[in-house]
PDB file of N, CA and C in Angstrom:
ATOM      1  N   MET A   1       4.922  -6.872  -6.396  1.00  0.00           N
ATOM      2  CA  MET A   1       3.749  -6.720  -5.292  1.00  0.00           C
ATOM      3  C   MET A   1       2.538  -6.964  -5.644  1.00  0.00           C
ATOM      4  N   ILE A   2       1.769  -7.887  -4.640  1.00  0.00           N
ATOM      5  CA  ILE A   2       0.446  -8.288  -4.860  1.00  0.00           C
ATOM      6  C   ILE A   2      -0.268  -7.813  -3.893  1.00  0.00           C
ATOM      7  N   ALA A   3      -1.404  -7.031  -4.060  1.00  0.00           N
ATOM      8  CA  ALA A   3      -2.431  -6.745  -3.020  1.00  0.00           C
ATOM      9  C   ALA A   3      -3.661  -7.446  -3.008  1.00  0.00           C
ATOM     10  N   LEU A   4      -3.856  -8.065  -1.764  1.00  0.00           N
ATOM     11  CA  LEU A   4      -4.900  -9.011  -1.577  1.00  0.00           C
ATOM     12  C   LEU A   4      -5.771  -8.245  -0.803  1.00  0.00           C
ATOM     13  N   VAL A   5      -7.200  -7.882  -1.048  1.00  0.00           N
ATOM     14  CA  VAL A   5      -8.249  -7.209  -0.605  1.00  0.00           C
ATOM     15  C   VAL A   5      -9.107  -7.974   0.212  1.00  0.00           C
ATOM     16  N   VAL A   6      -9.265  -7.864   1.528  1.00  0.00           N
ATOM     17  CA  VAL A   6     -10.043  -8.902   2.129  1.00  0.00           C
ATOM     18  C   VAL A   6     -11.179  -7.830   3.044  1.00  0.00           C
ATOM     19  N   ARG A   7     -12.312  -8.613   3.226  1.00  0.00           N
ATOM     20  CA  ARG A   7     -13.203  -7.898   3.865  1.00  0.00           C
ATOM     21  C   ARG A   7     -12.857  -7.130   5.356  1.00  0.00           C
ATOM     22  N   ARG A   8     -13.414  -6.127   5.948  1.00  0.00           N
ATOM     23  CA  ARG A   8     -12.978  -5.560   7.327  1.00  0.00           C
ATOM     24  C   ARG A   8     -13.067  -6.941   8.197  1.00  0.00           C
ATOM     25  N   GLY A   9     -12.229  -6.806   9.126  1.00  0.00           N
ATOM     26  CA  GLY A   9     -11.868  -8.047   9.996  1.00  0.00           C
ATOM     27  C   GLY A   9     -11.608  -9.073   9.756  1.00  0.00           C
ATOM     28  N   GLU A  10     -11.206  -9.362   8.611  1.00  0.00           N
ATOM     29  CA  GLU A  10     -10.871 -10.947   7.970  1.00  0.00           C
ATOM     30  C   GLU A  10      -9.075 -10.854   7.438  1.00  0.00           C
ATOM     31  N   ILE A  11      -8.590  -9.844   8.089  1.00  0.00           N
ATOM     32  CA  ILE A  11      -7.014 -10.135   7.984  1.00  0.00           C
ATOM     33  C   ILE A  11      -6.564 -11.382   8.457  1.00  0.00           C
ATOM     34  N   ARG A  12      -6.998 -11.495   9.729  1.00  0.00           N
ATOM     35  CA  ARG A  12      -6.224 -12.679  10.419  1.00  0.00           C
ATOM     36  C   ARG A  12      -6.722 -14.106   9.755  1.00  0.00           C
ATOM     37  N   PHE A  13      -7.354 -14.160   8.868  1.00  0.00           N
ATOM     38  CA  PHE A  13      -7.712 -15.244   8.195  1.00  0.00           C
ATOM     39  C   PHE A  13      -6.801 -15.550   7.120  1.00  0.00           C
ATOM     40  N   ALA A  14      -6.520 -14.252   6.141  1.00  0.00           N
ATOM     41  CA  ALA A  14      -5.938 -13.956   5.151  1.00  0.00           C
ATOM     42  C   ALA A  14      -4.257 -14.477   5.673  1.00  0.00           C
ATOM     43  N   VAL A  15      -3.965 -13.699   6.397  1.00  0.00           N
ATOM     44  CA  VAL A  15      -2.503 -14.162   7.211  1.00  0.00           C
ATOM     45  C   VAL A  15      -2.263 -15.682   7.600  1.00  0.00           C
ATOM     46  N   GLY A  16      -3.053 -16.199   8.330  1.00  0.00           N
ATOM     47  CA  GLY A  16      -3.009 -17.472   8.746  1.00  0.00           C
ATOM     48  C   GLY A  16      -2.154 -17.274  10.099  1.00  0.00           C
ATOM     49  N   ARG A  17      -2.102 -18.338  10.752  1.00  0.00           N
ATOM     50  CA  ARG A  17      -1.784 -18.541  12.099  1.00  0.00           C
ATOM     51  C   ARG A  17       0.085 -18.487  11.783  1.00  0.00           C
ATOM     52  N   GLY A  18       0.772 -17.649  12.357  1.00  0.00           N
ATOM     53  CA  GLY A  18       2.055 -17.234  12.372  1.00  0.00           C
ATOM     54  C   GLY A  18       2.481 -16.956  10.921  1.00  0.00           C
ATOM     55  N   GLY A  19       1.639 -16.207  10.132  1.00  0.00           N
ATOM     56  CA  GLY A  19       1.852 -15.909   8.848  1.00  0.00           C
ATOM     57  C   GLY A  19       2.036 -16.857   7.760  1.00  0.00           C
ATOM     58  N   LYS A  20       1.494 -18.074   7.920  1.00  0.00           N
ATOM     59  CA  LYS A  20       1.723 -19.367   7.132  1.00  0.00           C
ATOM     60  C   LYS A  20       1.072 -19.079   5.765  1.00  0.00           C
ATOM     61  N   VAL A  21      -0.129 -18.506   5.815  1.00  0.00           N
ATOM     62  CA  VAL A  21      -0.571 -18.265   4.483  1.00  0.00           C
ATOM     63  C   VAL A  21       0.159 -17.282   3.576  1.00  0.00           C
ATOM     64  N   VAL A  22       0.164 -16.233   4.108  1.00  0.00           N
ATOM     65  CA  VAL A  22       1.063 -15.408   3.253  1.00  0.00           C
ATOM     66  C   VAL A  22       2.073 -15.726   2.906  1.00  0.00           C
ATOM     67  N   ARG A  23       3.259 -16.223   3.754  1.00  0.00           N
ATOM     68  CA  ARG A  23       4.582 -16.919   3.411  1.00  0.00           C
ATOM     69  C   ARG A  23       4.202 -17.760   2.221  1.00  0.00           C
ATOM     70  N   ALA A  24       2.999 -18.811   2.110  1.00  0.00           N
ATOM     71  CA  ALA A  24       3.111 -19.931   1.108  1.00  0.00           C
ATOM     72  C   ALA A  24       2.365 -19.034  -0.116  1.00  0.00           C
ATOM     73  N   LEU A  25       1.851 -18.004  -0.108  1.00  0.00           N
ATOM     74  CA  LEU A  25       1.372 -17.428  -1.198  1.00  0.00           C
ATOM     75  C   LEU A  25       2.681 -16.633  -1.944  1.00  0.00           C
ATOM     76  N   GLU A  26       3.314 -15.923  -0.811  1.00  0.00           N
ATOM     77  CA  GLU A  26       4.726 -15.285  -1.690  1.00  0.00           C
ATOM     78  C   GLU A  26       5.746 -16.458  -2.039  1.00  0.00           C
ATOM     79  N   ARG A  27       5.892 -17.377  -1.607  1.00  0.00           N
ATOM     80  CA  ARG A  27       6.469 -18.547  -2.304  1.00  0.00           C
ATOM     81  C   ARG A  27       6.087 -19.212  -3.584  1.00  0.00           C
ATOM     82  N   ARG A  28       4.689 -19.245  -3.556  1.00  0.00           N
ATOM     83  CA  ARG A  28       4.013 -19.644  -4.821  1.00  0.00           C
ATOM     84  C   ARG A  28       4.005 -18.736  -5.800  1.00  0.00           C
ATOM     85  N   PHE A  29       3.770 -17.398  -5.502  1.00  0.00           N
ATOM     86  CA  PHE A  29       3.601 -16.379  -6.723  1.00  0.00           C
ATOM     87  C   PHE A  29       5.009 -15.443  -6.669  1.00  0.00           C
ATOM     88  N   GLN A  30       6.032 -15.917  -6.036  1.00  0.00           N
ATOM     89  CA  GLN A  30       7.416 -15.378  -5.986  1.00  0.00           C
ATOM     90  C   GLN A  30       7.315 -13.749  -6.023  1.00  0.00           C
ATOM     91  N   ALA A  31       6.340 -13.369  -5.180  1.00  0.00           N
ATOM     92  CA  ALA A  31       6.206 -11.632  -5.126  1.00  0.00           C
ATOM     93  C   ALA A  31       5.735 -11.368  -3.649  1.00  0.00           C
ATOM     94  N   LYS A  32       5.887 -10.233  -3.164  1.00  0.00           N
ATOM     95  CA  LYS A  32       5.456  -9.642  -1.841  1.00  0.00           C
ATOM     96  C   LYS A  32       3.938  -9.544  -1.739  1.00  0.00           C
ATOM     97  N   ILE A  33       3.531  -9.905  -0.954  1.00  0.00           N
ATOM     98  CA  ILE A  33       1.912  -9.874  -0.692  1.00  0.00           C
ATOM     99  C   ILE A  33       1.601  -9.055   0.382  1.00  0.00           C
ATOM    100  N   ARG A  34       0.820  -8.063   0.197  1.00  0.00           N
ATOM    101  CA  ARG A  34       0.111  -7.256   0.920  1.00  0.00           C
ATOM    102  C   ARG A  34      -1.302  -7.504   1.135  1.00  0.00           C
ATOM    103  N   ILE A  35      -1.887  -7.565   2.437  1.00  0.00           N
ATOM    104  CA  ILE A  35      -3.184  -7.538   2.698  1.00  0.00           C
ATOM    105  C   ILE A  35      -3.636  -6.612   3.192  1.00  0.00           C
ATOM    106  N   VAL A  36      -4.915  -5.958   2.540  1.00  0.00           N
ATOM    107  CA  VAL A  36      -5.402  -4.609   2.840  1.00  0.00           C
ATOM    108  C   VAL A  36      -6.921  -5.052   3.204  1.00  0.00           C
ATOM    109  N   GLU A  37      -7.556  -4.136   3.794  1.00  0.00           N
ATOM    110  CA  GLU A  37      -8.945  -4.168   4.289  1.00  0.00           C
ATOM    111  C   GLU A  37      -9.885  -3.544   3.283  1.00  0.00           C
ATOM    112  N   GLU A  38     -10.996  -3.839   2.577  1.00  0.00           N
ATOM    113  CA  GLU A  38     -11.554  -3.333   1.429  1.00  0.00           C
ATOM    114  C   GLU A  38     -12.418  -2.031   2.306  1.00  0.00           C
ATOM    115  N   GLY A  39     -12.326  -0.682   1.734  1.00  0.00           N
ATOM    116  CA  GLY A  39     -13.046   0.550   2.145  1.00  0.00           C
ATOM    117  C   GLY A  39     -12.357   1.292   3.225  1.00  0.00           C
ATOM    118  N   THR A  40     -11.051   0.879   3.322  1.00  0.00           N
ATOM    119  CA  THR A  40     -10.146   1.741   4.283  1.00  0.00           C
ATOM    120  C   THR A  40      -9.910   3.026   3.702  1.00  0.00           C
ATOM    121  N   GLU A  41      -9.397   3.749   4.387  1.00  0.00           N
ATOM    122  CA  GLU A  41      -8.827   5.222   4.117  1.00  0.00           C
ATOM    123  C   GLU A  41      -7.826   5.234   3.497  1.00  0.00           C
ATOM    124  N   THR A  42      -7.568   6.216   2.536  1.00  0.00           N
ATOM    125  CA  THR A  42      -6.202   6.224   1.582  1.00  0.00           C
ATOM    126  C   THR A  42      -5.050   6.138   2.539  1.00  0.00           C
ATOM    127  N   ARG A  43      -4.952   7.002   3.975  1.00  0.00           N
ATOM    128  CA  ARG A  43      -3.851   6.853   4.767  1.00  0.00           C
ATOM    129  C   ARG A  43      -3.663   5.676   5.077  1.00  0.00           C
ATOM    130  N   LYS A  44      -4.667   4.734   5.729  1.00  0.00           N
ATOM    131  CA  LYS A  44      -4.376   3.447   6.205  1.00  0.00           C
ATOM    132  C   LYS A  44      -4.055   2.027   5.262  1.00  0.00           C
ATOM    133  N   LEU A  45      -4.385   2.767   4.003  1.00  0.00           N
ATOM    134  CA  LEU A  45      -4.253   1.651   2.622  1.00  0.00           C
ATOM    135  C   LEU A  45      -2.639   1.928   2.513  1.00  0.00           C
ATOM    136  N   ALA A  46      -2.327   2.848   2.355  1.00  0.00           N
ATOM    137  CA  ALA A  46      -0.824   3.408   1.973  1.00  0.00           C
ATOM    138  C   ALA A  46       0.020   3.018   2.893  1.00  0.00           C
ATOM    139  N   GLN A  47      -0.113   2.950   4.322  1.00  0.00           N
ATOM    140  CA  GLN A  47       0.398   2.491   5.130  1.00  0.00           C
ATOM    141  C   GLN A  47       0.654   1.147   5.320  1.00  0.00           C
ATOM    142  N   ASP A  48      -0.521   0.335   5.020  1.00  0.00           N
ATOM    143  CA  ASP A  48      -0.395  -1.158   5.096  1.00  0.00           C
ATOM    144  C   ASP A  48       0.465  -1.778   3.577  1.00  0.00           C
ATOM    145  N   LEU A  49       0.423  -0.725   2.645  1.00  0.00           N
ATOM    146  CA  LEU A  49       1.069  -1.049   1.606  1.00  0.00           C
ATOM    147  C   LEU A  49       2.548  -1.092   1.683  1.00  0.00           C
ATOM    148  N   LEU A  50       2.968   0.165   2.392  1.00  0.00           N
ATOM    149  CA  LEU A  50       4.452   0.674   2.157  1.00  0.00           C
ATOM    150  C   LEU A  50       4.984   0.007   3.250  1.00  0.00           C
ATOM    151  N   THR A  51       4.789  -0.982   3.997  1.00  0.00           N
ATOM    152  CA  THR A  51       5.236  -1.516   5.509  1.00  0.00           C
ATOM    153  C   THR A  51       6.481  -2.156   4.991  1.00  0.00           C
ATOM    154  N   PRO A  52       7.681  -1.994   5.499  1.00  0.00           N
ATOM    155  CA  PRO A  52       8.150  -1.537   6.596  1.00  0.00           C
ATOM    156  C   PRO A  52       8.505  -0.036   6.583  1.00  0.00           C
ATOM    157  N   ALA A  53       8.449   0.531   5.309  1.00  0.00           N
ATOM    158  CA  ALA A  53       8.732   2.030   5.290  1.00  0.00           C
ATOM    159  C   ALA A  53       7.622   2.416   6.162  1.00  0.00           C
ATOM    160  N   LYS A  54       8.061   3.872   6.717  1.00  0.00           N
ATOM    161  CA  LYS A  54       7.084   4.922   7.475  1.00  0.00           C
ATOM    162  C   LYS A  54       6.558   5.600   6.657  1.00  0.00           C
ATOM    163  N   LEU A  55       4.977   5.974   6.954  1.00  0.00           N
ATOM    164  CA  LEU A  55       4.368   6.883   6.286  1.00  0.00           C
ATOM    165  C   LEU A  55       4.595   8.255   7.130  1.00  0.00           C
ATOM    166  N   LEU A  56       4.851   9.340   6.480  1.00  0.00           N
ATOM    167  CA  LEU A  56       4.603  10.664   7.349  1.00  0.00           C
ATOM    168  C   LEU A  56       3.314  11.110   7.045  1.00  0.00           C
ATOM    169  N   GLY A  57       2.722  11.004   5.816  1.00  0.00           N
ATOM    170  CA  GLY A  57       1.390  11.576   5.679  1.00  0.00           C
ATOM    171  C   GLY A  57       0.853  11.530   4.381  1.00  0.00           C
ATOM    172  N   VAL A  58      -0.658  11.981   4.358  1.00  0.00           N
ATOM    173  CA  VAL A  58      -1.270  12.063   3.045  1.00  0.00           C
ATOM    174  C   VAL A  58      -1.745  13.463   2.480  1.00  0.00           C
ATOM    175  N   ASN A  59      -1.316  14.086   1.643  1.00  0.00           N
ATOM    176  CA  ASN A  59      -1.789  15.567   1.217  1.00  0.00           C
ATOM    177  C   ASN A  59      -2.562  15.438   0.211  1.00  0.00           C
ATOM    178  N   VAL A  60      -3.707  16.375   0.079  1.00  0.00           N
ATOM    179  CA  VAL A  60      -4.504  16.127  -0.991  1.00  0.00           C
ATOM    180  C   VAL A  60      -4.057  17.737  -1.615  1.00  0.00           C
ATOM    181  N   LEU A  61      -3.711  17.628  -3.058  1.00  0.00           N
ATOM    182  CA  LEU A  61      -3.505  18.866  -3.423  1.00  0.00           C
ATOM    183  C   LEU A  61      -4.759  19.257  -4.516  1.00  0.00           C
ATOM    184  N   TYR A  62      -5.080  20.373  -4.717  1.00  0.00           N
ATOM    185  CA  TYR A  62      -6.201  20.954  -5.769  1.00  0.00           C
ATOM    186  C   TYR A  62      -5.357  21.746  -6.918  1.00  0.00           C
ATOM    187  N   ALA A  63      -5.252  21.221  -8.076  1.00  0.00           N
ATOM    188  CA  ALA A  63      -4.506  22.110  -9.058  1.00  0.00           C
ATOM    189  C   ALA A  63      -5.219  21.744 -10.195  1.00  0.00           C
ATOM    190  N   GLY A  64      -5.764  22.929 -10.860  1.00  0.00           N
ATOM    191  CA  GLY A  64      -6.160  22.771 -12.368  1.00  0.00           C
ATOM    192  C   GLY A  64      -7.512  22.329 -12.138  1.00  0.00           C
ATOM    193  N   GLY A  65      -8.062  22.061 -10.998  1.00  0.00           N
ATOM    194  CA  GLY A  65      -9.657  21.554 -10.829  1.00  0.00           C
ATOM    195  C   GLY A  65      -9.716  20.031 -10.901  1.00  0.00           C
ATOM    196  N   LYS A  66      -8.199  19.463 -10.219  1.00  0.00           N
ATOM    197  CA  LYS A  66      -7.951  17.902 -10.187  1.00  0.00           C
ATOM    198  C   LYS A  66      -7.763  18.234  -8.618  1.00  0.00           C
ATOM    199  N   LYS A  67      -7.923  16.633  -8.396  1.00  0.00           N
ATOM    200  CA  LYS A  67      -7.381  16.386  -6.659  1.00  0.00           C
ATOM    201  C   LYS A  67      -6.506  15.300  -7.042  1.00  0.00           C
ATOM    202  N   GLU A  68      -5.189  15.678  -6.473  1.00  0.00           N
ATOM    203  CA  GLU A  68      -4.366  14.401  -6.546  1.00  0.00           C
ATOM    204  C   GLU A  68      -3.802  14.345  -4.942  1.00  0.00           C
ATOM    205  N   TYR A  69      -3.591  13.043  -4.625  1.00  0.00           N
ATOM    206  CA  TYR A  69      -3.193  12.848  -3.289  1.00  0.00           C
ATOM    207  C   TYR A  69      -1.388  12.425  -3.576  1.00  0.00           C
ATOM    208  N   ARG A  70      -0.819  13.026  -2.294  1.00  0.00           N
ATOM    209  CA  ARG A  70       0.314  12.802  -2.079  1.00  0.00           C
ATOM    210  C   ARG A  70       1.146  12.157  -1.125  1.00  0.00           C
ATOM    211  N   VAL A  71       1.482  11.074  -1.316  1.00  0.00           N
ATOM    212  CA  VAL A  71       1.791  10.198   0.059  1.00  0.00           C
ATOM    213  C   VAL A  71       3.174  10.397   0.045  1.00  0.00           C
ATOM    214  N   ARG A  72       3.145  10.901   1.448  1.00  0.00           N
ATOM    215  CA  ARG A  72       4.448  11.409   1.945  1.00  0.00           C
ATOM    216  C   ARG A  72       5.430  10.226   2.512  1.00  0.00           C
ATOM    217  N   VAL A  73       6.910   9.983   2.441  1.00  0.00           N
ATOM    218  CA  VAL A  73       7.320   8.965   2.899  1.00  0.00           C
ATOM    219  C   VAL A  73       8.951   9.584   3.060  1.00  0.00           C
ATOM    220  N   PRO A  74       9.485   9.511   4.195  1.00  0.00           N
ATOM    221  CA  PRO A  74      10.923   9.874   4.603  1.00  0.00           C
ATOM    222  C   PRO A  74      12.035   9.170   3.160  1.00  0.00           C
ATOM    223  N   HIS A  75      12.791  10.188   2.938  1.00  0.00           N
ATOM    224  CA  HIS A  75      13.529   9.871   1.788  1.00  0.00           C
ATOM    225  C   HIS A  75      14.579   8.745   2.101  1.00  0.00           C
ATOM    226  N   SER A  76      14.980   8.479   3.578  1.00  0.00           N
ATOM    227  CA  SER A  76      15.823   7.833   4.153  1.00  0.00           C
ATOM    228  C   SER A  76      15.512   6.034   4.082  1.00  0.00           C
ATOM    229  N   HIS A  77      13.619   6.290   3.737  1.00  0.00           N
ATOM    230  CA  HIS A  77      13.280   4.812   3.637  1.00  0.00           C
ATOM    231  C   HIS A  77      12.744   4.527   2.246  1.00  0.00           C
ATOM    232  N   LEU A  78      13.516   5.113   1.659  1.00  0.00           N
ATOM    233  CA  LEU A  78      13.295   4.505  -0.054  1.00  0.00           C
ATOM    234  C   LEU A  78      13.795   3.198  -0.109  1.00  0.00           C
ATOM    235  N   LYS A  79      14.705   2.767   0.673  1.00  0.00           N
ATOM    236  CA  LYS A  79      15.335   1.335   0.436  1.00  0.00           C
ATOM    237  C   LYS A  79      14.413  -0.005   1.048  1.00  0.00           C
ATOM    238  N   ARG A  80      13.483   0.887   1.972  1.00  0.00           N
ATOM    239  CA  ARG A  80      12.523  -0.109   2.528  1.00  0.00           C
ATOM    240  C   ARG A  80      11.263  -0.286   1.778  1.00  0.00           C
ATOM    241  N   LEU A  81      10.974   0.271   0.558  1.00  0.00           N
ATOM    242  CA  LEU A  81       9.769   0.055   0.121  1.00  0.00           C
ATOM    243  C   LEU A  81       9.787  -1.285  -0.678  1.00  0.00           C
ATOM    244  N   PRO A  82       8.290  -2.051  -0.292  1.00  0.00           N
ATOM    245  CA  PRO A  82       8.481  -3.445  -0.937  1.00  0.00           C
ATOM    246  C   PRO A  82       8.466  -3.473  -2.256  1.00  0.00           C
ATOM    247  N   ALA A  83       8.050  -2.495  -2.791  1.00  0.00           N
ATOM    248  CA  ALA A  83       8.204  -2.567  -4.641  1.00  0.00           C
ATOM    249  C   ALA A  83       8.701  -1.415  -5.043  1.00  0.00           C
ATOM    250  N   SER A  84       8.691  -1.248  -6.277  1.00  0.00           N
ATOM    251  CA  SER A  84       9.140  -0.075  -7.151  1.00  0.00           C
ATOM    252  C   SER A  84       8.028   1.100  -6.805  1.00  0.00           C
ATOM    253  N   ILE A  85       8.603   2.103  -6.858  1.00  0.00           N
ATOM    254  CA  ILE A  85       7.596   3.452  -6.808  1.00  0.00           C
ATOM    255  C   ILE A  85       6.715   3.482  -7.584  1.00  0.00           C
ATOM    256  N   ASN A  86       6.868   3.259  -8.907  1.00  0.00           N
ATOM    257  CA  ASN A  86       5.925   3.152  -9.811  1.00  0.00           C
ATOM    258  C   ASN A  86       4.913   1.957  -9.534  1.00  0.00           C
ATOM    259  N   GLY A  87       5.198   1.027  -9.266  1.00  0.00           N
ATOM    260  CA  GLY A  87       4.266  -0.139  -9.083  1.00  0.00           C
ATOM    261  C   GLY A  87       3.420   0.028  -7.861  1.00  0.00           C
ATOM    262  N   ILE A  88       3.936   0.713  -6.826  1.00  0.00           N
ATOM    263  CA  ILE A  88       3.015   1.040  -5.232  1.00  0.00           C
ATOM    264  C   ILE A  88       2.293   2.435  -5.922  1.00  0.00           C
ATOM    265  N   GLN A  89       2.514   3.120  -6.676  1.00  0.00           N
ATOM    266  CA  GLN A  89       1.437   4.387  -7.174  1.00  0.00           C
ATOM    267  C   GLN A  89       0.286   3.700  -7.833  1.00  0.00           C
ATOM    268  N   ILE A  90       0.817   2.537  -8.752  1.00  0.00           N
ATOM    269  CA  ILE A  90      -0.388   1.944  -9.788  1.00  0.00           C
ATOM    270  C   ILE A  90      -1.246   1.200  -8.586  1.00  0.00           C
ATOM    271  N   VAL A  91      -0.694   0.422  -7.544  1.00  0.00           N
ATOM    272  CA  VAL A  91      -1.426  -0.409  -6.952  1.00  0.00           C
ATOM    273  C   VAL A  91      -2.537   0.534  -6.347  1.00  0.00           C
ATOM    274  N   LEU A  92      -2.000   1.390  -5.162  1.00  0.00           N
ATOM    275  CA  LEU A  92      -2.853   2.653  -5.027  1.00  0.00           C
ATOM    276  C   LEU A  92      -3.568   3.354  -5.601  1.00  0.00           C
ATOM    277  N   ALA A  93      -3.396   3.750  -6.810  1.00  0.00           N
ATOM    278  CA  ALA A  93      -4.493   4.283  -7.924  1.00  0.00           C
ATOM    279  C   ALA A  93      -5.398   3.521  -8.118  1.00  0.00           C
ATOM    280  N   LYS A  94      -5.167   2.043  -7.995  1.00  0.00           N
ATOM    281  CA  LYS A  94      -6.309   0.946  -8.650  1.00  0.00           C
ATOM    282  C   LYS A  94      -6.958   0.827  -7.331  1.00  0.00           C
ATOM    283  N   LEU A  95      -6.765   0.718  -6.438  1.00  0.00           N
ATOM    284  CA  LEU A  95      -7.433   0.402  -5.125  1.00  0.00           C
ATOM    285  C   LEU A  95      -8.335   1.478  -4.793  1.00  0.00           C
ATOM    286  N   THR A  96      -8.072   2.625  -5.014  1.00  0.00           N
ATOM    287  CA  THR A  96      -8.455   3.677  -4.376  1.00  0.00           C
ATOM    288  C   THR A  96      -9.358   4.506  -5.528  1.00  0.00           C
ATOM    289  N   ASN A  97      -8.881   4.481  -6.597  1.00  0.00           N
ATOM    290  CA  ASN A  97      -9.706   4.989  -7.809  1.00  0.00           C
ATOM    291  C   ASN A  97      -9.355   6.562  -7.560  1.00  0.00           C
ATOM    292  N   LYS A  98      -8.185   7.020  -7.200  1.00  0.00           N
ATOM    293  CA  LYS A  98      -7.712   8.384  -6.981  1.00  0.00           C
ATOM    294  C   LYS A  98      -6.300   8.445  -7.864  1.00  0.00           C
ATOM    295  N   ASN A  99      -5.896   9.689  -7.786  1.00  0.00           N
ATOM    296  CA  ASN A  99      -4.659  10.134  -8.438  1.00  0.00           C
ATOM    297  C   ASN A  99      -3.458  10.093  -7.207  1.00  0.00           C
ATOM    298  N   ILE A 100      -2.627   9.325  -7.111  1.00  0.00           N
ATOM    299  CA  ILE A 100      -1.883   8.979  -6.138  1.00  0.00           C
ATOM    300  C   ILE A 100      -0.396   9.091  -6.359  1.00  0.00           C
ATOM    301  N   LYS A 101       0.355   9.956  -5.697  1.00  0.00           N
ATOM    302  CA  LYS A 101       1.696   9.918  -6.315  1.00  0.00           C
ATOM    303  C   LYS A 101       2.522   9.948  -4.833  1.00  0.00           C
ATOM    304  N   LEU A 102       3.638   9.268  -4.833  1.00  0.00           N
ATOM    305  CA  LEU A 102       4.807   9.250  -3.722  1.00  0.00           C
ATOM    306  C   LEU A 102       5.451  10.610  -3.814  1.00  0.00           C
ATOM    307  N   ALA A 103       5.797  10.954  -2.436  1.00  0.00           N
ATOM    308  CA  ALA A 103       6.768  12.205  -2.458  1.00  0.00           C
ATOM    309  C   ALA A 103       7.827  11.466  -1.522  1.00  0.00           C
ATOM    310  N   PHE A 104       9.004  12.076  -1.617  1.00  0.00           N
ATOM    311  CA  PHE A 104       9.860  11.793  -0.573  1.00  0.00           C
ATOM    312  C   PHE A 104      10.686  13.000  -0.465  1.00  0.00           C
ATOM    313  N   GLU A 105      10.754  13.075   1.331  1.00  0.00           N
ATOM    314  CA  GLU A 105      11.216  14.131   1.928  1.00  0.00           C
ATOM    315  C   GLU A 105      12.322  13.938   2.785  1.00  0.00           C
TER     316      GLU A 105
END
């Protein structure tokens, strides 16, 4: 999965008319392309990356003086994830600079 970060309000330019630009990029790189806006909240960013899987919510856990974010996804949507669990966690962590884990319920 490749995450393309664009400025606020510019997603339509990155997607292209009818999704033409995204499809061309997916063919070129042979990978799923996800487009997200810079500076968005953790919840919105997670939802954009996890689509078509459903996002139940984002919890913040405080353990041992550290902050960890849990992105909750229905267990039944495990097969709908656009990439591996580990890959999604890495992309979310790099885009947000936060410790993020996926949790399935």
